[in-house]
Amino acid sequence: MRTSRLIFAFIAIAVAVILFYSMSTGTVERGYHEQVEKERQQKNDFMRSDPGSPFAKDTAAFQELKYFPPDPKYKVVADLEDVKDRKVVLLSTNDGLQQRYLEYAYATFRLNDLDNRLLILEVMDSGPFRGTLFLAFADQTSAFETYGAGRYLDILKTPGASTITLDFNHAYNPYCAYTEDFSCPLPPRENVLDVAIKAGEMVYK
């Protein structure tokens, strides 16, 4: 009889633990989804009314941006590989020009059972963004569900870090996806991925 009570007690504890973690995970995911959706709404508001918007000349033409549903699966922790003897990289732009960047590091990660590698660049040109990091990429959704010339992802520089978080739910289109008035660098060849990243901003309209 005592053994039976112990067994039932262990079962009750196990069920309680499972329920606790399930509820905690669900709460965290809901909070994450809500935060992503909030940021997306803020961007729509910016596009619709801010003087710095690419639609500033004709706000009436703006239609809300489209996105994949937020998915924590596409928030990945990537390993950072330092680039020795960093070289200057010239990226072509949509209007036939070039922009200079400096190799910074490679981010390697596994997603959808595929190993992936992205080159992170550092802004070289003088101005407020000098020294910041730049990541442009294309994937198997490009020119279909997402903008054909690739998307961007903002990254914070953390000196000495061995890993970096890449949250593709925040991937966004360059301004040239909305108007030809802007000059936008295209992804380097090594940043064309074989995986479909169904996260972040989709093709406009």
N, C-alpha and C. Protein backbone atom coordinates (compact mmCIF):
# COMPACT_ATOMS: atom_id res chain seq x y z
N MET A 1 0.83 -1.21 0.00
CA MET A 1 0.00 0.00 0.00
C MET A 1 0.86 1.26 0.00
N ARG A 2 1.91 1.24 0.82
CA ARG A 2 2.81 2.38 0.90
C ARG A 2 3.51 2.62 -0.43
N THR A 3 3.90 1.50 -1.11
CA THR A 3 4.55 1.60 -2.41
C THR A 3 3.63 2.26 -3.44
N SER A 4 2.35 1.89 -3.38
CA SER A 4 1.37 2.46 -4.32
C SER A 4 1.24 3.96 -4.12
N ARG A 5 1.23 4.38 -2.82
CA ARG A 5 1.13 5.80 -2.53
C ARG A 5 2.33 6.56 -3.09
N LEU A 6 3.52 5.94 -2.93
CA LEU A 6 4.74 6.58 -3.45
C LEU A 6 4.70 6.72 -4.96
N ILE A 7 4.21 5.68 -5.63
CA ILE A 7 4.12 5.71 -7.09
C ILE A 7 3.18 6.82 -7.53
N PHE A 8 1.99 6.90 -6.86
CA PHE A 8 1.03 7.95 -7.21
C PHE A 8 1.61 9.33 -6.92
N ALA A 9 2.38 9.44 -5.84
CA ALA A 9 2.99 10.73 -5.50
C ALA A 9 3.98 11.16 -6.56
N PHE A 10 4.83 10.20 -7.02
CA PHE A 10 5.80 10.50 -8.08
C PHE A 10 5.09 10.91 -9.37
N ILE A 11 3.99 10.20 -9.69
CA ILE A 11 3.23 10.51 -10.90
C ILE A 11 2.66 11.92 -10.81
N ALA A 12 2.09 12.25 -9.63
CA ALA A 12 1.50 13.58 -9.44
C ALA A 12 2.55 14.67 -9.59
N ILE A 13 3.75 14.44 -9.02
CA ILE A 13 4.84 15.42 -9.14
C ILE A 13 5.26 15.58 -10.59
N ALA A 14 5.39 14.45 -11.29
CA ALA A 14 5.81 14.51 -12.70
C ALA A 14 4.80 15.28 -13.54
N VAL A 15 3.51 15.02 -13.32
CA VAL A 15 2.46 15.72 -14.07
C VAL A 15 2.52 17.22 -13.77
N ALA A 16 2.70 17.56 -12.49
CA ALA A 16 2.78 18.97 -12.10
C ALA A 16 3.94 19.66 -12.78
N VAL A 17 5.11 18.99 -12.82
CA VAL A 17 6.29 19.56 -13.46
C VAL A 17 6.05 19.78 -14.95
N ILE A 18 5.44 18.78 -15.62
CA ILE A 18 5.16 18.89 -17.06
C ILE A 18 4.22 20.05 -17.33
N LEU A 19 3.16 20.17 -16.50
CA LEU A 19 2.21 21.25 -16.68
C LEU A 19 2.85 22.61 -16.47
N PHE A 20 3.73 22.68 -15.45
CA PHE A 20 4.40 23.94 -15.15
C PHE A 20 5.25 24.40 -16.33
N TYR A 21 6.08 23.48 -16.85
CA TYR A 21 6.96 23.86 -17.96
C TYR A 21 6.17 24.14 -19.23
N SER A 22 5.08 23.41 -19.45
CA SER A 22 4.26 23.65 -20.63
C SER A 22 3.64 25.04 -20.57
N MET A 23 3.11 25.39 -19.38
CA MET A 23 2.51 26.71 -19.22
C MET A 23 3.55 27.81 -19.33
N SER A 24 4.75 27.57 -18.76
CA SER A 24 5.82 28.57 -18.82
C SER A 24 6.26 28.80 -20.26
N THR A 25 6.45 27.69 -21.00
CA THR A 25 6.86 27.79 -22.41
C THR A 25 5.81 28.54 -23.22
N GLY A 26 4.53 28.19 -22.97
CA GLY A 26 3.46 28.85 -23.69
C GLY A 26 3.42 30.34 -23.41
N THR A 27 3.66 30.71 -22.16
CA THR A 27 3.66 32.13 -21.78
C THR A 27 4.80 32.86 -22.46
N VAL A 28 5.99 32.23 -22.47
CA VAL A 28 7.16 32.85 -23.10
C VAL A 28 6.92 33.05 -24.60
N GLU A 29 6.35 32.02 -25.26
CA GLU A 29 6.10 32.12 -26.70
C GLU A 29 5.06 33.19 -27.00
N ARG A 30 4.01 33.26 -26.17
CA ARG A 30 3.00 34.29 -26.39
C ARG A 30 3.61 35.68 -26.23
N GLY A 31 4.45 35.83 -25.21
CA GLY A 31 5.11 37.12 -25.00
C GLY A 31 6.01 37.48 -26.16
N TYR A 32 6.72 36.49 -26.69
CA TYR A 32 7.60 36.72 -27.84
C TYR A 32 6.79 37.13 -29.06
N HIS A 33 5.71 36.41 -29.33
CA HIS A 33 4.86 36.73 -30.47
C HIS A 33 4.30 38.14 -30.35
N GLU A 34 3.83 38.50 -29.16
CA GLU A 34 3.26 39.82 -28.94
C GLU A 34 4.30 40.92 -29.17
N GLN A 35 5.54 40.68 -28.74
CA GLN A 35 6.59 41.67 -28.92
C GLN A 35 6.92 41.87 -30.40
N VAL A 36 7.02 40.76 -31.13
CA VAL A 36 7.30 40.84 -32.57
C VAL A 36 6.18 41.59 -33.28
N GLU A 37 4.93 41.24 -32.97
CA GLU A 37 3.79 41.90 -33.61
C GLU A 37 3.74 43.39 -33.27
N LYS A 38 4.10 43.73 -32.05
CA LYS A 38 4.13 45.14 -31.65
C LYS A 38 5.15 45.92 -32.47
N GLU A 39 6.34 45.34 -32.64
CA GLU A 39 7.38 46.01 -33.42
C GLU A 39 6.96 46.16 -34.88
N ARG A 40 6.25 45.17 -35.39
CA ARG A 40 5.78 45.24 -36.78
C ARG A 40 4.75 46.35 -36.94
N GLN A 41 3.88 46.51 -35.97
CA GLN A 41 2.89 47.57 -36.05
C GLN A 41 3.56 48.94 -35.98
N GLN A 42 4.59 49.03 -35.14
CA GLN A 42 5.34 50.29 -35.04
C GLN A 42 6.00 50.63 -36.37
N LYS A 43 6.50 49.61 -37.07
CA LYS A 43 7.12 49.86 -38.37
C LYS A 43 6.07 50.31 -39.39
N ASN A 44 4.90 49.70 -39.35
CA ASN A 44 3.82 50.14 -40.24
C ASN A 44 3.47 51.60 -39.99
N ASP A 45 3.41 51.97 -38.72
CA ASP A 45 3.10 53.36 -38.36
C ASP A 45 4.19 54.31 -38.90
N PHE A 46 5.46 53.86 -38.78
CA PHE A 46 6.57 54.67 -39.30
C PHE A 46 6.44 54.83 -40.81
N MET A 47 6.20 53.74 -41.50
CA MET A 47 6.09 53.78 -42.96
C MET A 47 4.95 54.69 -43.41
N ARG A 48 3.89 54.70 -42.64
CA ARG A 48 2.69 55.43 -43.01
C ARG A 48 2.81 56.94 -42.78
N SER A 49 3.59 57.35 -41.78
CA SER A 49 3.50 58.76 -41.39
C SER A 49 4.83 59.48 -41.13
N ASP A 50 5.95 58.75 -41.04
CA ASP A 50 7.20 59.42 -40.69
C ASP A 50 7.85 60.08 -41.91
N PRO A 51 8.44 61.27 -41.74
CA PRO A 51 9.13 61.94 -42.87
C PRO A 51 10.29 61.13 -43.43
N GLY A 52 10.85 60.22 -42.62
CA GLY A 52 11.96 59.39 -43.11
C GLY A 52 11.51 58.14 -43.82
N SER A 53 10.22 57.94 -43.95
CA SER A 53 9.69 56.76 -44.63
C SER A 53 9.94 56.83 -46.12
N PRO A 54 10.17 55.68 -46.77
CA PRO A 54 10.31 55.69 -48.23
C PRO A 54 9.01 56.05 -48.93
N PHE A 55 7.90 56.10 -48.18
CA PHE A 55 6.61 56.49 -48.75
C PHE A 55 6.26 57.94 -48.43
N ALA A 56 7.23 58.69 -47.91
CA ALA A 56 6.96 60.06 -47.45
C ALA A 56 6.38 60.94 -48.57
N LYS A 57 6.79 60.70 -49.82
CA LYS A 57 6.30 61.51 -50.93
C LYS A 57 4.85 61.22 -51.28
N ASP A 58 4.39 60.02 -50.91
CA ASP A 58 3.02 59.63 -51.25
C ASP A 58 2.53 58.62 -50.21
N THR A 59 2.20 59.13 -49.02
CA THR A 59 1.78 58.23 -47.94
C THR A 59 0.48 57.49 -48.28
N ALA A 60 -0.33 58.05 -49.15
CA ALA A 60 -1.59 57.40 -49.52
C ALA A 60 -1.35 56.10 -50.28
N ALA A 61 -0.16 55.96 -50.87
CA ALA A 61 0.15 54.76 -51.64
C ALA A 61 0.57 53.59 -50.76
N PHE A 62 0.86 53.88 -49.49
CA PHE A 62 1.37 52.83 -48.60
C PHE A 62 0.31 51.80 -48.27
N GLN A 63 0.70 50.54 -48.39
CA GLN A 63 -0.11 49.42 -47.93
C GLN A 63 0.68 48.69 -46.86
N GLU A 64 -0.01 48.13 -45.89
CA GLU A 64 0.69 47.50 -44.77
C GLU A 64 1.67 46.43 -45.25
N LEU A 65 2.79 46.36 -44.54
CA LEU A 65 3.80 45.37 -44.85
C LEU A 65 3.29 43.98 -44.51
N LYS A 66 3.77 42.99 -45.24
CA LYS A 66 3.34 41.62 -45.00
C LYS A 66 4.49 40.83 -44.37
N TYR A 67 4.14 39.93 -43.47
CA TYR A 67 5.13 39.15 -42.74
C TYR A 67 4.71 37.68 -42.62
N PHE A 68 5.71 36.82 -42.46
CA PHE A 68 5.43 35.47 -42.01
C PHE A 68 5.01 35.54 -40.54
N PRO A 69 4.18 34.60 -40.07
CA PRO A 69 3.84 34.59 -38.64
C PRO A 69 5.10 34.43 -37.80
N PRO A 70 5.20 35.10 -36.64
CA PRO A 70 6.37 34.93 -35.78
C PRO A 70 6.59 33.45 -35.44
N ASP A 71 7.83 33.01 -35.53
CA ASP A 71 8.15 31.61 -35.26
C ASP A 71 9.50 31.54 -34.55
N PRO A 72 9.51 31.17 -33.25
CA PRO A 72 10.77 31.10 -32.49
C PRO A 72 11.81 30.16 -33.10
N LYS A 73 11.36 29.25 -33.97
CA LYS A 73 12.29 28.34 -34.64
C LYS A 73 13.35 29.10 -35.43
N TYR A 74 12.98 30.27 -35.91
CA TYR A 74 13.90 31.06 -36.74
C TYR A 74 14.70 32.07 -35.93
N LYS A 75 14.70 31.92 -34.63
CA LYS A 75 15.59 32.68 -33.77
C LYS A 75 16.71 31.73 -33.36
N VAL A 76 17.86 31.85 -34.01
CA VAL A 76 18.92 30.85 -33.85
C VAL A 76 20.16 31.47 -33.20
N VAL A 77 20.86 30.65 -32.47
CA VAL A 77 22.15 31.05 -31.91
C VAL A 77 23.24 30.49 -32.82
N ALA A 78 23.98 31.38 -33.44
CA ALA A 78 25.02 30.97 -34.40
C ALA A 78 26.40 31.09 -33.78
N ASP A 79 27.30 30.21 -34.19
CA ASP A 79 28.70 30.32 -33.79
C ASP A 79 29.39 31.36 -34.66
N LEU A 80 30.28 32.12 -34.05
CA LEU A 80 31.03 33.14 -34.78
C LEU A 80 32.42 32.64 -35.12
N GLU A 81 32.80 32.77 -36.38
CA GLU A 81 34.15 32.43 -36.83
C GLU A 81 34.86 33.72 -37.22
N ASP A 82 35.93 34.04 -36.54
CA ASP A 82 36.69 35.24 -36.89
C ASP A 82 37.28 35.13 -38.28
N VAL A 83 37.39 36.25 -38.97
CA VAL A 83 38.04 36.30 -40.27
C VAL A 83 39.45 36.84 -40.08
N LYS A 84 40.42 36.04 -40.42
CA LYS A 84 41.81 36.49 -40.33
C LYS A 84 42.17 37.26 -41.60
N ASP A 85 43.01 38.26 -41.45
CA ASP A 85 43.41 39.09 -42.59
C ASP A 85 42.17 39.60 -43.33
N ARG A 86 41.37 40.35 -42.62
CA ARG A 86 40.11 40.84 -43.17
C ARG A 86 40.33 41.68 -44.42
N LYS A 87 39.50 41.44 -45.41
CA LYS A 87 39.61 42.12 -46.70
C LYS A 87 38.40 43.01 -46.93
N VAL A 88 38.59 43.97 -47.83
CA VAL A 88 37.50 44.83 -48.24
C VAL A 88 36.61 44.07 -49.23
N VAL A 89 35.30 44.19 -49.03
CA VAL A 89 34.32 43.56 -49.92
C VAL A 89 33.52 44.65 -50.60
N LEU A 90 33.42 44.56 -51.91
CA LEU A 90 32.61 45.51 -52.68
C LEU A 90 31.28 44.86 -53.03
N LEU A 91 30.20 45.43 -52.52
CA LEU A 91 28.87 44.90 -52.84
C LEU A 91 28.21 45.75 -53.91
N SER A 92 27.70 45.07 -54.92
CA SER A 92 26.94 45.77 -55.96
C SER A 92 25.61 46.24 -55.38
N THR A 93 25.09 47.32 -55.93
CA THR A 93 23.80 47.84 -55.50
C THR A 93 22.77 47.69 -56.61
N ASN A 94 21.51 47.90 -56.26
CA ASN A 94 20.43 47.73 -57.23
C ASN A 94 20.50 48.74 -58.38
N ASP A 95 21.20 49.87 -58.16
CA ASP A 95 21.28 50.88 -59.20
C ASP A 95 22.64 50.90 -59.91
N GLY A 96 23.36 49.79 -59.83
CA GLY A 96 24.60 49.66 -60.58
C GLY A 96 25.83 50.27 -59.94
N LEU A 97 25.75 50.69 -58.69
CA LEU A 97 26.90 51.24 -58.00
C LEU A 97 27.54 50.17 -57.11
N GLN A 98 28.47 50.58 -56.25
CA GLN A 98 29.11 49.66 -55.32
C GLN A 98 29.27 50.34 -53.96
N GLN A 99 29.22 49.53 -52.92
CA GLN A 99 29.48 50.03 -51.57
C GLN A 99 30.55 49.16 -50.92
N ARG A 100 31.42 49.80 -50.12
CA ARG A 100 32.56 49.11 -49.51
C ARG A 100 32.22 48.65 -48.09
N TYR A 101 32.63 47.43 -47.79
CA TYR A 101 32.48 46.87 -46.45
C TYR A 101 33.76 46.12 -46.10
N LEU A 102 33.91 45.81 -44.83
CA LEU A 102 35.06 45.05 -44.36
C LEU A 102 34.57 43.74 -43.78
N GLU A 103 35.25 42.64 -44.13
CA GLU A 103 34.88 41.34 -43.55
C GLU A 103 34.97 41.42 -42.03
N TYR A 104 33.99 40.85 -41.35
CA TYR A 104 33.98 40.89 -39.88
C TYR A 104 34.04 39.48 -39.29
N ALA A 105 33.08 38.63 -39.63
CA ALA A 105 33.05 37.27 -39.10
C ALA A 105 32.04 36.45 -39.89
N TYR A 106 32.15 35.13 -39.75
CA TYR A 106 31.15 34.22 -40.31
C TYR A 106 30.27 33.72 -39.18
N ALA A 107 28.96 33.67 -39.45
CA ALA A 107 28.01 33.08 -38.50
C ALA A 107 27.57 31.74 -39.06
N THR A 108 27.79 30.68 -38.30
CA THR A 108 27.42 29.33 -38.75
C THR A 108 26.32 28.78 -37.84
N PHE A 109 25.33 28.16 -38.45
CA PHE A 109 24.21 27.63 -37.68
C PHE A 109 23.52 26.53 -38.48
N ARG A 110 22.74 25.72 -37.78
CA ARG A 110 21.99 24.65 -38.43
C ARG A 110 20.51 24.98 -38.36
N LEU A 111 19.84 24.87 -39.49
CA LEU A 111 18.42 25.18 -39.56
C LEU A 111 17.76 24.28 -40.59
N ASN A 112 16.64 23.70 -40.22
CA ASN A 112 15.91 22.78 -41.11
C ASN A 112 16.83 21.67 -41.64
N ASP A 113 17.67 21.14 -40.73
CA ASP A 113 18.59 20.03 -41.05
C ASP A 113 19.66 20.41 -42.08
N LEU A 114 19.92 21.70 -42.24
CA LEU A 114 20.96 22.16 -43.15
C LEU A 114 21.96 23.03 -42.40
N ASP A 115 23.24 22.87 -42.72
CA ASP A 115 24.27 23.75 -42.16
C ASP A 115 24.34 25.02 -42.99
N ASN A 116 24.38 26.14 -42.33
CA ASN A 116 24.35 27.43 -43.02
C ASN A 116 25.50 28.31 -42.54
N ARG A 117 25.94 29.20 -43.42
CA ARG A 117 27.08 30.07 -43.11
C ARG A 117 26.84 31.43 -43.75
N LEU A 118 26.89 32.48 -42.94
CA LEU A 118 26.65 33.83 -43.43
C LEU A 118 27.84 34.72 -43.12
N LEU A 119 28.21 35.56 -44.07
CA LEU A 119 29.29 36.51 -43.87
C LEU A 119 28.74 37.82 -43.31
N ILE A 120 29.20 38.19 -42.13
CA ILE A 120 28.82 39.46 -41.52
C ILE A 120 29.87 40.49 -41.90
N LEU A 121 29.41 41.66 -42.32
CA LEU A 121 30.31 42.71 -42.78
C LEU A 121 30.26 43.91 -41.84
N GLU A 122 31.30 44.73 -41.92
CA GLU A 122 31.37 45.95 -41.11
C GLU A 122 31.36 47.16 -42.04
N VAL A 123 30.57 48.15 -41.69
CA VAL A 123 30.45 49.36 -42.51
C VAL A 123 31.75 50.15 -42.45
N MET A 124 32.28 50.52 -43.63
CA MET A 124 33.54 51.24 -43.72
C MET A 124 33.36 52.73 -43.98
N ASP A 125 32.34 53.07 -44.75
CA ASP A 125 32.18 54.46 -45.18
C ASP A 125 31.97 55.38 -43.98
N SER A 126 32.47 56.60 -44.11
CA SER A 126 32.33 57.58 -43.03
C SER A 126 30.86 57.94 -42.84
N GLY A 127 30.52 58.29 -41.63
CA GLY A 127 29.13 58.63 -41.32
C GLY A 127 28.71 57.99 -40.01
N PRO A 128 27.45 58.16 -39.63
CA PRO A 128 26.98 57.66 -38.33
C PRO A 128 26.99 56.15 -38.21
N PHE A 129 27.02 55.43 -39.34
CA PHE A 129 26.96 53.96 -39.28
C PHE A 129 28.33 53.30 -39.40
N ARG A 130 29.39 54.10 -39.52
CA ARG A 130 30.73 53.55 -39.64
C ARG A 130 31.05 52.64 -38.44
N GLY A 131 31.54 51.42 -38.72
CA GLY A 131 31.90 50.49 -37.66
C GLY A 131 30.77 49.58 -37.22
N THR A 132 29.56 49.84 -37.69
CA THR A 132 28.45 48.95 -37.34
C THR A 132 28.45 47.73 -38.26
N LEU A 133 27.69 46.72 -37.87
CA LEU A 133 27.67 45.47 -38.63
C LEU A 133 26.51 45.47 -39.63
N PHE A 134 26.72 44.76 -40.72
CA PHE A 134 25.73 44.69 -41.80
C PHE A 134 25.60 43.24 -42.27
N LEU A 135 24.36 42.77 -42.35
CA LEU A 135 24.12 41.41 -42.84
C LEU A 135 23.00 41.44 -43.86
N ALA A 136 23.34 41.10 -45.09
CA ALA A 136 22.36 40.96 -46.16
C ALA A 136 22.38 39.50 -46.60
N PHE A 137 21.20 38.93 -46.84
CA PHE A 137 21.14 37.52 -47.23
C PHE A 137 19.97 37.30 -48.19
N ALA A 138 20.07 36.22 -48.94
CA ALA A 138 18.97 35.72 -49.75
C ALA A 138 18.79 34.25 -49.40
N ASP A 139 17.63 33.71 -49.68
CA ASP A 139 17.36 32.31 -49.35
C ASP A 139 16.39 31.73 -50.36
N GLN A 140 15.88 30.56 -50.10
CA GLN A 140 15.05 29.88 -51.09
C GLN A 140 13.64 30.48 -51.22
N THR A 141 13.32 31.47 -50.39
CA THR A 141 12.05 32.18 -50.57
C THR A 141 12.21 33.42 -51.44
N SER A 142 13.45 33.83 -51.69
CA SER A 142 13.71 35.07 -52.44
C SER A 142 13.14 34.98 -53.86
N ALA A 143 12.49 36.07 -54.27
CA ALA A 143 11.86 36.18 -55.59
C ALA A 143 10.55 35.40 -55.67
N PHE A 144 10.16 34.78 -54.57
CA PHE A 144 8.89 34.07 -54.52
C PHE A 144 8.03 34.69 -53.40
N GLU A 145 8.30 34.28 -52.19
CA GLU A 145 7.55 34.83 -51.06
C GLU A 145 8.19 36.10 -50.49
N THR A 146 9.47 36.28 -50.76
CA THR A 146 10.18 37.45 -50.23
C THR A 146 10.85 38.23 -51.36
N TYR A 147 11.35 39.41 -51.03
CA TYR A 147 11.95 40.29 -52.01
C TYR A 147 13.10 39.61 -52.74
N GLY A 148 13.11 39.72 -54.06
CA GLY A 148 14.05 38.97 -54.88
C GLY A 148 15.50 39.34 -54.67
N ALA A 149 15.78 40.60 -54.28
CA ALA A 149 17.16 41.04 -54.10
C ALA A 149 17.67 40.81 -52.69
N GLY A 150 16.94 40.03 -51.90
CA GLY A 150 17.41 39.69 -50.56
C GLY A 150 16.85 40.59 -49.47
N ARG A 151 17.18 40.22 -48.24
CA ARG A 151 16.70 40.98 -47.08
C ARG A 151 17.88 41.28 -46.16
N TYR A 152 17.62 42.14 -45.18
CA TYR A 152 18.66 42.55 -44.22
C TYR A 152 18.27 42.08 -42.82
N LEU A 153 19.29 42.00 -41.97
CA LEU A 153 19.08 41.66 -40.57
C LEU A 153 20.06 42.48 -39.74
N ASP A 154 19.53 43.23 -38.78
CA ASP A 154 20.38 44.06 -37.92
C ASP A 154 21.08 43.21 -36.87
N ILE A 155 22.35 43.52 -36.63
CA ILE A 155 23.16 42.76 -35.67
C ILE A 155 23.95 43.73 -34.81
N LEU A 156 24.01 43.43 -33.52
CA LEU A 156 24.81 44.25 -32.62
C LEU A 156 26.21 43.67 -32.49
N LYS A 157 27.21 44.54 -32.52
CA LYS A 157 28.60 44.09 -32.36
C LYS A 157 28.88 43.85 -30.88
N THR A 158 29.36 42.65 -30.56
CA THR A 158 29.73 42.30 -29.19
C THR A 158 31.16 41.78 -29.21
N PRO A 159 32.15 42.65 -29.00
CA PRO A 159 33.55 42.23 -29.07
C PRO A 159 33.84 41.05 -28.13
N GLY A 160 34.56 40.07 -28.67
CA GLY A 160 34.95 38.91 -27.87
C GLY A 160 33.92 37.80 -27.80
N ALA A 161 32.72 38.02 -28.34
CA ALA A 161 31.67 36.99 -28.28
C ALA A 161 31.99 35.84 -29.22
N SER A 162 31.64 34.63 -28.81
CA SER A 162 31.86 33.45 -29.64
C SER A 162 30.57 33.00 -30.34
N THR A 163 29.44 33.57 -29.94
CA THR A 163 28.15 33.27 -30.56
C THR A 163 27.39 34.56 -30.80
N ILE A 164 26.38 34.46 -31.63
CA ILE A 164 25.53 35.62 -31.91
C ILE A 164 24.12 35.12 -32.21
N THR A 165 23.11 35.86 -31.77
CA THR A 165 21.73 35.48 -32.02
C THR A 165 21.25 36.12 -33.32
N LEU A 166 20.75 35.29 -34.21
CA LEU A 166 20.17 35.76 -35.47
C LEU A 166 18.67 35.49 -35.41
N ASP A 167 17.88 36.52 -35.27
CA ASP A 167 16.43 36.35 -35.21
C ASP A 167 15.84 36.77 -36.56
N PHE A 168 15.59 35.77 -37.40
CA PHE A 168 15.11 36.05 -38.74
C PHE A 168 13.66 36.54 -38.76
N ASN A 169 12.98 36.48 -37.62
CA ASN A 169 11.66 37.08 -37.55
C ASN A 169 11.73 38.60 -37.72
N HIS A 170 12.94 39.16 -37.54
CA HIS A 170 13.14 40.60 -37.71
C HIS A 170 13.78 40.93 -39.06
N ALA A 171 13.91 39.94 -39.94
CA ALA A 171 14.47 40.21 -41.27
C ALA A 171 13.56 41.19 -42.01
N TYR A 172 14.17 42.16 -42.70
CA TYR A 172 13.36 43.20 -43.33
C TYR A 172 13.87 43.52 -44.73
N ASN A 173 12.99 44.14 -45.51
CA ASN A 173 13.34 44.52 -46.88
C ASN A 173 14.13 45.82 -46.90
N PRO A 174 15.08 45.92 -47.83
CA PRO A 174 15.73 47.23 -48.05
C PRO A 174 14.71 48.18 -48.67
N TYR A 175 14.97 49.47 -48.56
CA TYR A 175 14.02 50.46 -49.06
C TYR A 175 13.79 50.37 -50.57
N CYS A 176 14.75 49.83 -51.30
CA CYS A 176 14.56 49.73 -52.74
C CYS A 176 13.49 48.68 -53.10
N ALA A 177 13.01 47.94 -52.11
CA ALA A 177 11.89 47.02 -52.35
C ALA A 177 10.59 47.78 -52.54
N TYR A 178 10.57 49.05 -52.10
CA TYR A 178 9.35 49.86 -52.18
C TYR A 178 9.43 50.96 -53.24
N THR A 179 10.65 51.45 -53.51
CA THR A 179 10.82 52.53 -54.48
C THR A 179 12.23 52.50 -55.05
N GLU A 180 12.39 52.99 -56.26
CA GLU A 180 13.70 53.00 -56.91
C GLU A 180 14.53 54.21 -56.51
N ASP A 181 14.05 55.00 -55.58
CA ASP A 181 14.76 56.21 -55.16
C ASP A 181 15.97 55.91 -54.28
N PHE A 182 16.15 54.67 -53.86
CA PHE A 182 17.21 54.31 -52.93
C PHE A 182 18.23 53.38 -53.58
N SER A 183 19.46 53.45 -53.07
CA SER A 183 20.54 52.57 -53.52
C SER A 183 20.79 51.54 -52.42
N CYS A 184 20.57 50.27 -52.74
CA CYS A 184 20.63 49.21 -51.72
C CYS A 184 21.65 48.14 -52.12
N PRO A 185 22.59 47.82 -51.22
CA PRO A 185 23.55 46.76 -51.52
C PRO A 185 22.89 45.40 -51.58
N LEU A 186 23.36 44.58 -52.50
CA LEU A 186 22.86 43.22 -52.67
C LEU A 186 23.68 42.26 -51.82
N PRO A 187 23.13 41.12 -51.42
CA PRO A 187 23.88 40.16 -50.60
C PRO A 187 25.12 39.65 -51.32
N PRO A 188 26.21 39.42 -50.60
CA PRO A 188 27.37 38.78 -51.22
C PRO A 188 27.01 37.36 -51.64
N ARG A 189 27.75 36.84 -52.58
CA ARG A 189 27.41 35.53 -53.14
C ARG A 189 27.33 34.44 -52.08
N GLU A 190 28.23 34.48 -51.08
CA GLU A 190 28.24 33.43 -50.06
C GLU A 190 27.05 33.51 -49.11
N ASN A 191 26.27 34.59 -49.19
CA ASN A 191 25.10 34.74 -48.32
C ASN A 191 23.79 34.36 -49.00
N VAL A 192 23.89 33.64 -50.10
CA VAL A 192 22.70 33.08 -50.74
C VAL A 192 22.53 31.67 -50.18
N LEU A 193 21.56 31.48 -49.31
CA LEU A 193 21.40 30.24 -48.57
C LEU A 193 20.56 29.21 -49.32
N ASP A 194 20.83 27.94 -49.03
CA ASP A 194 20.06 26.85 -49.63
C ASP A 194 18.80 26.52 -48.83
N VAL A 195 18.62 27.17 -47.70
CA VAL A 195 17.48 26.92 -46.83
C VAL A 195 16.40 27.98 -47.08
N ALA A 196 15.14 27.60 -46.88
CA ALA A 196 14.03 28.55 -46.99
C ALA A 196 13.78 29.15 -45.61
N ILE A 197 13.98 30.44 -45.49
CA ILE A 197 13.76 31.12 -44.21
C ILE A 197 12.39 31.79 -44.25
N LYS A 198 11.39 31.05 -43.79
CA LYS A 198 10.00 31.54 -43.81
C LYS A 198 9.74 32.34 -42.54
N ALA A 199 10.44 33.44 -42.43
CA ALA A 199 10.34 34.32 -41.26
C ALA A 199 10.65 35.74 -41.71
N GLY A 200 10.11 36.70 -40.96
CA GLY A 200 10.39 38.09 -41.26
C GLY A 200 9.47 38.65 -42.34
N GLU A 201 9.95 39.72 -42.96
CA GLU A 201 9.13 40.44 -43.93
C GLU A 201 9.04 39.71 -45.26
N MET A 202 7.83 39.76 -45.83
CA MET A 202 7.60 39.15 -47.14
C MET A 202 7.69 40.21 -48.23
N VAL A 203 7.49 39.80 -49.47
CA VAL A 203 7.57 40.74 -50.58
C VAL A 203 6.44 41.77 -50.44
N TYR A 204 6.75 43.04 -50.75
CA TYR A 204 5.75 44.09 -50.61
C TYR A 204 4.66 43.94 -51.67
N LYS A 205 3.40 44.08 -51.26
CA LYS A 205 2.24 43.89 -52.15
C LYS A 205 2.24 42.48 -52.71
